[in-house]
Amino acid sequence: MATSSFDKDFTLDSKKAVKSFERIVSTPARSVKIDRNLTSPAKAERGEKRLKQMLSR
């Protein structure tokens, strides 16, 4: 991914980095596909519990 061309100050140091960043930003979020097979029901349940704990504080 293009993020390797960014430094810690988030400076785009070349034309290639700028074009890559523009492509990332202009891509609509709907085009990102999440493979639901990678998350098991146990991990999903554990994540829900952690989220509930964080929100209840």
PDB file of N, CA and C in Angstrom:
ATOM      1  N   MET A   1       0.833  -1.173   0.000  1.00  0.00           N
ATOM      2  CA  MET A   1       0.000   0.000   0.000  1.00  0.00           C
ATOM      3  C   MET A   1       0.877   1.235   0.000  1.00  0.00           C
ATOM      4  N   ALA A   2       0.319   2.330  -0.386  1.00  0.00           N
ATOM      5  CA  ALA A   2       1.078   3.558  -0.588  1.00  0.00           C
ATOM      6  C   ALA A   2       1.499   4.236   0.696  1.00  0.00           C
ATOM      7  N   THR A   3       0.995   3.814   1.836  1.00  0.00           N
ATOM      8  CA  THR A   3       1.316   4.510   3.079  1.00  0.00           C
ATOM      9  C   THR A   3       2.791   4.433   3.427  1.00  0.00           C
ATOM     10  N   SER A   4       3.533   3.526   2.816  1.00  0.00           N
ATOM     11  CA  SER A   4       4.959   3.430   3.102  1.00  0.00           C
ATOM     12  C   SER A   4       5.719   4.651   2.614  1.00  0.00           C
ATOM     13  N   SER A   5       5.135   5.445   1.711  1.00  0.00           N
ATOM     14  CA  SER A   5       5.816   6.630   1.214  1.00  0.00           C
ATOM     15  C   SER A   5       5.553   7.861   2.082  1.00  0.00           C
ATOM     16  N   PHE A   6       4.813   7.720   3.162  1.00  0.00           N
ATOM     17  CA  PHE A   6       4.549   8.835   4.074  1.00  0.00           C
ATOM     18  C   PHE A   6       5.551   8.786   5.224  1.00  0.00           C
ATOM     19  N   ASP A   7       5.981   9.970   5.659  1.00  0.00           N
ATOM     20  CA  ASP A   7       6.835   9.986   6.844  1.00  0.00           C
ATOM     21  C   ASP A   7       5.969  10.252   8.078  1.00  0.00           C
ATOM     22  N   LYS A   8       6.575  10.365   9.247  1.00  0.00           N
ATOM     23  CA  LYS A   8       5.820  10.514  10.491  1.00  0.00           C
ATOM     24  C   LYS A   8       5.018  11.807  10.538  1.00  0.00           C
ATOM     25  N   ASP A   9       5.435  12.829   9.813  1.00  0.00           N
ATOM     26  CA  ASP A   9       4.717  14.101   9.787  1.00  0.00           C
ATOM     27  C   ASP A   9       3.631  14.116   8.720  1.00  0.00           C
ATOM     28  N   PHE A  10       3.397  12.979   8.095  1.00  0.00           N
ATOM     29  CA  PHE A  10       2.418  12.834   7.031  1.00  0.00           C
ATOM     30  C   PHE A  10       2.697  13.811   5.903  1.00  0.00           C
ATOM     31  N   THR A  11       3.949  13.861   5.487  1.00  0.00           N
ATOM     32  CA  THR A  11       4.362  14.705   4.380  1.00  0.00           C
ATOM     33  C   THR A  11       4.468  13.851   3.138  1.00  0.00           C
ATOM     34  N   LEU A  12       3.796  14.283   2.084  1.00  0.00           N
ATOM     35  CA  LEU A  12       3.902  13.587   0.810  1.00  0.00           C
ATOM     36  C   LEU A  12       5.135  14.134   0.101  1.00  0.00           C
ATOM     37  N   ASP A  13       6.174  13.318   0.022  1.00  0.00           N
ATOM     38  CA  ASP A  13       7.473  13.817  -0.416  1.00  0.00           C
ATOM     39  C   ASP A  13       7.768  13.621  -1.896  1.00  0.00           C
ATOM     40  N   SER A  14       6.823  13.112  -2.665  1.00  0.00           N
ATOM     41  CA  SER A  14       7.054  12.948  -4.099  1.00  0.00           C
ATOM     42  C   SER A  14       5.732  12.987  -4.847  1.00  0.00           C
ATOM     43  N   LYS A  15       5.831  13.176  -6.161  1.00  0.00           N
ATOM     44  CA  LYS A  15       4.619  13.194  -6.972  1.00  0.00           C
ATOM     45  C   LYS A  15       3.917  11.846  -6.920  1.00  0.00           C
ATOM     46  N   LYS A  16       4.697  10.784  -6.849  1.00  0.00           N
ATOM     47  CA  LYS A  16       4.128   9.440  -6.776  1.00  0.00           C
ATOM     48  C   LYS A  16       3.303   9.281  -5.498  1.00  0.00           C
ATOM     49  N   ALA A  17       3.813   9.808  -4.387  1.00  0.00           N
ATOM     50  CA  ALA A  17       3.097   9.726  -3.111  1.00  0.00           C
ATOM     51  C   ALA A  17       1.807  10.538  -3.160  1.00  0.00           C
ATOM     52  N   VAL A  18       1.860  11.702  -3.804  1.00  0.00           N
ATOM     53  CA  VAL A  18       0.675  12.550  -3.913  1.00  0.00           C
ATOM     54  C   VAL A  18      -0.394  11.850  -4.744  1.00  0.00           C
ATOM     55  N   LYS A  19      -0.002  11.274  -5.873  1.00  0.00           N
ATOM     56  CA  LYS A  19      -0.963  10.574  -6.727  1.00  0.00           C
ATOM     57  C   LYS A  19      -1.559   9.376  -6.011  1.00  0.00           C
ATOM     58  N   SER A  20      -0.725   8.661  -5.278  1.00  0.00           N
ATOM     59  CA  SER A  20      -1.206   7.507  -4.535  1.00  0.00           C
ATOM     60  C   SER A  20      -2.197   7.932  -3.468  1.00  0.00           C
ATOM     61  N   PHE A  21      -1.884   9.014  -2.757  1.00  0.00           N
ATOM     62  CA  PHE A  21      -2.775   9.513  -1.720  1.00  0.00           C
ATOM     63  C   PHE A  21      -4.106   9.980  -2.319  1.00  0.00           C
ATOM     64  N   GLU A  22      -4.036  10.672  -3.451  1.00  0.00           N
ATOM     65  CA  GLU A  22      -5.265  11.117  -4.111  1.00  0.00           C
ATOM     66  C   GLU A  22      -6.131   9.926  -4.512  1.00  0.00           C
ATOM     67  N   ARG A  23      -5.506   8.862  -4.975  1.00  0.00           N
ATOM     68  CA  ARG A  23      -6.250   7.672  -5.373  1.00  0.00           C
ATOM     69  C   ARG A  23      -6.914   7.022  -4.160  1.00  0.00           C
ATOM     70  N   ILE A  24      -6.208   6.977  -3.035  1.00  0.00           N
ATOM     71  CA  ILE A  24      -6.769   6.395  -1.813  1.00  0.00           C
ATOM     72  C   ILE A  24      -7.953   7.220  -1.334  1.00  0.00           C
ATOM     73  N   VAL A  25      -7.799   8.531  -1.309  1.00  0.00           N
ATOM     74  CA  VAL A  25      -8.836   9.418  -0.799  1.00  0.00           C
ATOM     75  C   VAL A  25     -10.052   9.440  -1.722  1.00  0.00           C
ATOM     76  N   SER A  26      -9.827   9.370  -3.030  1.00  0.00           N
ATOM     77  CA  SER A  26     -10.948   9.469  -3.963  1.00  0.00           C
ATOM     78  C   SER A  26     -11.715   8.160  -4.123  1.00  0.00           C
ATOM     79  N   THR A  27     -11.168   7.059  -3.624  1.00  0.00           N
ATOM     80  CA  THR A  27     -11.860   5.777  -3.707  1.00  0.00           C
ATOM     81  C   THR A  27     -12.996   5.757  -2.694  1.00  0.00           C
ATOM     82  N   PRO A  28     -14.221   5.524  -3.150  1.00  0.00           N
ATOM     83  CA  PRO A  28     -15.328   5.490  -2.193  1.00  0.00           C
ATOM     84  C   PRO A  28     -15.211   4.318  -1.232  1.00  0.00           C
ATOM     85  N   ALA A  29     -15.680   4.517  -0.023  1.00  0.00           N
ATOM     86  CA  ALA A  29     -15.558   3.494   1.019  1.00  0.00           C
ATOM     87  C   ALA A  29     -16.361   2.244   0.667  1.00  0.00           C
ATOM     88  N   ARG A  30     -17.372   2.373  -0.149  1.00  0.00           N
ATOM     89  CA  ARG A  30     -18.198   1.224  -0.503  1.00  0.00           C
ATOM     90  C   ARG A  30     -17.429   0.175  -1.294  1.00  0.00           C
ATOM     91  N   SER A  31     -16.315   0.561  -1.905  1.00  0.00           N
ATOM     92  CA  SER A  31     -15.570  -0.394  -2.719  1.00  0.00           C
ATOM     93  C   SER A  31     -14.720  -1.347  -1.873  1.00  0.00           C
ATOM     94  N   VAL A  32     -14.605  -1.058  -0.592  1.00  0.00           N
ATOM     95  CA  VAL A  32     -13.824  -1.909   0.290  1.00  0.00           C
ATOM     96  C   VAL A  32     -14.670  -3.111   0.696  1.00  0.00           C
ATOM     97  N   LYS A  33     -14.160  -4.283   0.408  1.00  0.00           N
ATOM     98  CA  LYS A  33     -14.887  -5.505   0.745  1.00  0.00           C
ATOM     99  C   LYS A  33     -14.266  -6.116   1.990  1.00  0.00           C
ATOM    100  N   ILE A  34     -15.106  -6.556   2.912  1.00  0.00           N
ATOM    101  CA  ILE A  34     -14.637  -7.204   4.133  1.00  0.00           C
ATOM    102  C   ILE A  34     -14.983  -8.674   4.033  1.00  0.00           C
ATOM    103  N   ASP A  35     -13.964  -9.516   4.171  1.00  0.00           N
ATOM    104  CA  ASP A  35     -14.184 -10.958   4.111  1.00  0.00           C
ATOM    105  C   ASP A  35     -14.661 -11.418   5.480  1.00  0.00           C
ATOM    106  N   ARG A  36     -15.943 -11.673   5.604  1.00  0.00           N
ATOM    107  CA  ARG A  36     -16.527 -12.057   6.890  1.00  0.00           C
ATOM    108  C   ARG A  36     -16.105 -13.454   7.321  1.00  0.00           C
ATOM    109  N   ASN A  37     -15.516 -14.238   6.426  1.00  0.00           N
ATOM    110  CA  ASN A  37     -15.047 -15.573   6.791  1.00  0.00           C
ATOM    111  C   ASN A  37     -13.825 -15.516   7.706  1.00  0.00           C
ATOM    112  N   LEU A  38     -13.146 -14.364   7.746  1.00  0.00           N
ATOM    113  CA  LEU A  38     -11.949 -14.231   8.566  1.00  0.00           C
ATOM    114  C   LEU A  38     -12.276 -14.046  10.046  1.00  0.00           C
ATOM    115  N   THR A  39     -13.491 -13.635  10.342  1.00  0.00           N
ATOM    116  CA  THR A  39     -13.878 -13.436  11.739  1.00  0.00           C
ATOM    117  C   THR A  39     -14.747 -14.597  12.199  1.00  0.00           C
ATOM    118  N   SER A  40     -14.316 -15.230  13.249  1.00  0.00           N
ATOM    119  CA  SER A  40     -15.097 -16.341  13.795  1.00  0.00           C
ATOM    120  C   SER A  40     -16.173 -15.786  14.727  1.00  0.00           C
ATOM    121  N   PRO A  41     -17.226 -16.538  14.979  1.00  0.00           N
ATOM    122  CA  PRO A  41     -18.262 -16.071  15.914  1.00  0.00           C
ATOM    123  C   PRO A  41     -17.701 -15.779  17.308  1.00  0.00           C
ATOM    124  N   ALA A  42     -16.712 -16.576  17.734  1.00  0.00           N
ATOM    125  CA  ALA A  42     -16.123 -16.343  19.054  1.00  0.00           C
ATOM    126  C   ALA A  42     -15.394 -15.000  19.099  1.00  0.00           C
ATOM    127  N   LYS A  43     -14.649 -14.673  18.036  1.00  0.00           N
ATOM    128  CA  LYS A  43     -13.938 -13.396  18.000  1.00  0.00           C
ATOM    129  C   LYS A  43     -14.922 -12.231  17.929  1.00  0.00           C
ATOM    130  N   ALA A  44     -15.994 -12.408  17.187  1.00  0.00           N
ATOM    131  CA  ALA A  44     -16.998 -11.348  17.087  1.00  0.00           C
ATOM    132  C   ALA A  44     -17.639 -11.107  18.452  1.00  0.00           C
ATOM    133  N   GLU A  45     -17.955 -12.169  19.162  1.00  0.00           N
ATOM    134  CA  GLU A  45     -18.568 -12.046  20.485  1.00  0.00           C
ATOM    135  C   GLU A  45     -17.608 -11.384  21.465  1.00  0.00           C
ATOM    136  N   ARG A  46     -16.338 -11.773  21.410  1.00  0.00           N
ATOM    137  CA  ARG A  46     -15.336 -11.171  22.295  1.00  0.00           C
ATOM    138  C   ARG A  46     -15.179  -9.683  21.986  1.00  0.00           C
ATOM    139  N   GLY A  47     -15.208  -9.339  20.702  1.00  0.00           N
ATOM    140  CA  GLY A  47     -15.113  -7.934  20.316  1.00  0.00           C
ATOM    141  C   GLY A  47     -16.301  -7.126  20.800  1.00  0.00           C
ATOM    142  N   GLU A  48     -17.493  -7.724  20.721  1.00  0.00           N
ATOM    143  CA  GLU A  48     -18.684  -7.040  21.218  1.00  0.00           C
ATOM    144  C   GLU A  48     -18.588  -6.800  22.720  1.00  0.00           C
ATOM    145  N   LYS A  49     -18.100  -7.789  23.458  1.00  0.00           N
ATOM    146  CA  LYS A  49     -17.960  -7.635  24.910  1.00  0.00           C
ATOM    147  C   LYS A  49     -16.971  -6.523  25.246  1.00  0.00           C
ATOM    148  N   ARG A  50     -15.852  -6.496  24.533  1.00  0.00           N
ATOM    149  CA  ARG A  50     -14.848  -5.453  24.790  1.00  0.00           C
ATOM    150  C   ARG A  50     -15.412  -4.076  24.479  1.00  0.00           C
ATOM    151  N   LEU A  51     -16.176  -3.979  23.381  1.00  0.00           N
ATOM    152  CA  LEU A  51     -16.759  -2.705  23.019  1.00  0.00           C
ATOM    153  C   LEU A  51     -17.765  -2.242  24.074  1.00  0.00           C
ATOM    154  N   LYS A  52     -18.583  -3.163  24.561  1.00  0.00           N
ATOM    155  CA  LYS A  52     -19.543  -2.822  25.614  1.00  0.00           C
ATOM    156  C   LYS A  52     -18.831  -2.360  26.872  1.00  0.00           C
ATOM    157  N   GLN A  53     -17.705  -3.022  27.220  1.00  0.00           N
ATOM    158  CA  GLN A  53     -16.942  -2.612  28.392  1.00  0.00           C
ATOM    159  C   GLN A  53     -16.387  -1.208  28.225  1.00  0.00           C
ATOM    160  N   MET A  54     -15.854  -0.919  27.047  1.00  0.00           N
ATOM    161  CA  MET A  54     -15.277   0.395  26.793  1.00  0.00           C
ATOM    162  C   MET A  54     -16.356   1.489  26.864  1.00  0.00           C
ATOM    163  N   LEU A  55     -17.540   1.193  26.332  1.00  0.00           N
ATOM    164  CA  LEU A  55     -18.596   2.189  26.308  1.00  0.00           C
ATOM    165  C   LEU A  55     -19.268   2.381  27.660  1.00  0.00           C
ATOM    166  N   SER A  56     -19.174   1.369  28.518  1.00  0.00           N
ATOM    167  CA  SER A  56     -19.833   1.470  29.806  1.00  0.00           C
ATOM    168  C   SER A  56     -18.989   2.199  30.853  1.00  0.00           C
ATOM    169  N   ARG A  57     -17.767   2.527  30.543  1.00  0.00           N
ATOM    170  CA  ARG A  57     -16.888   3.208  31.500  1.00  0.00           C
ATOM    171  C   ARG A  57     -17.227   4.667  31.631  1.00  0.00           C
TER     172      ARG A  57
END
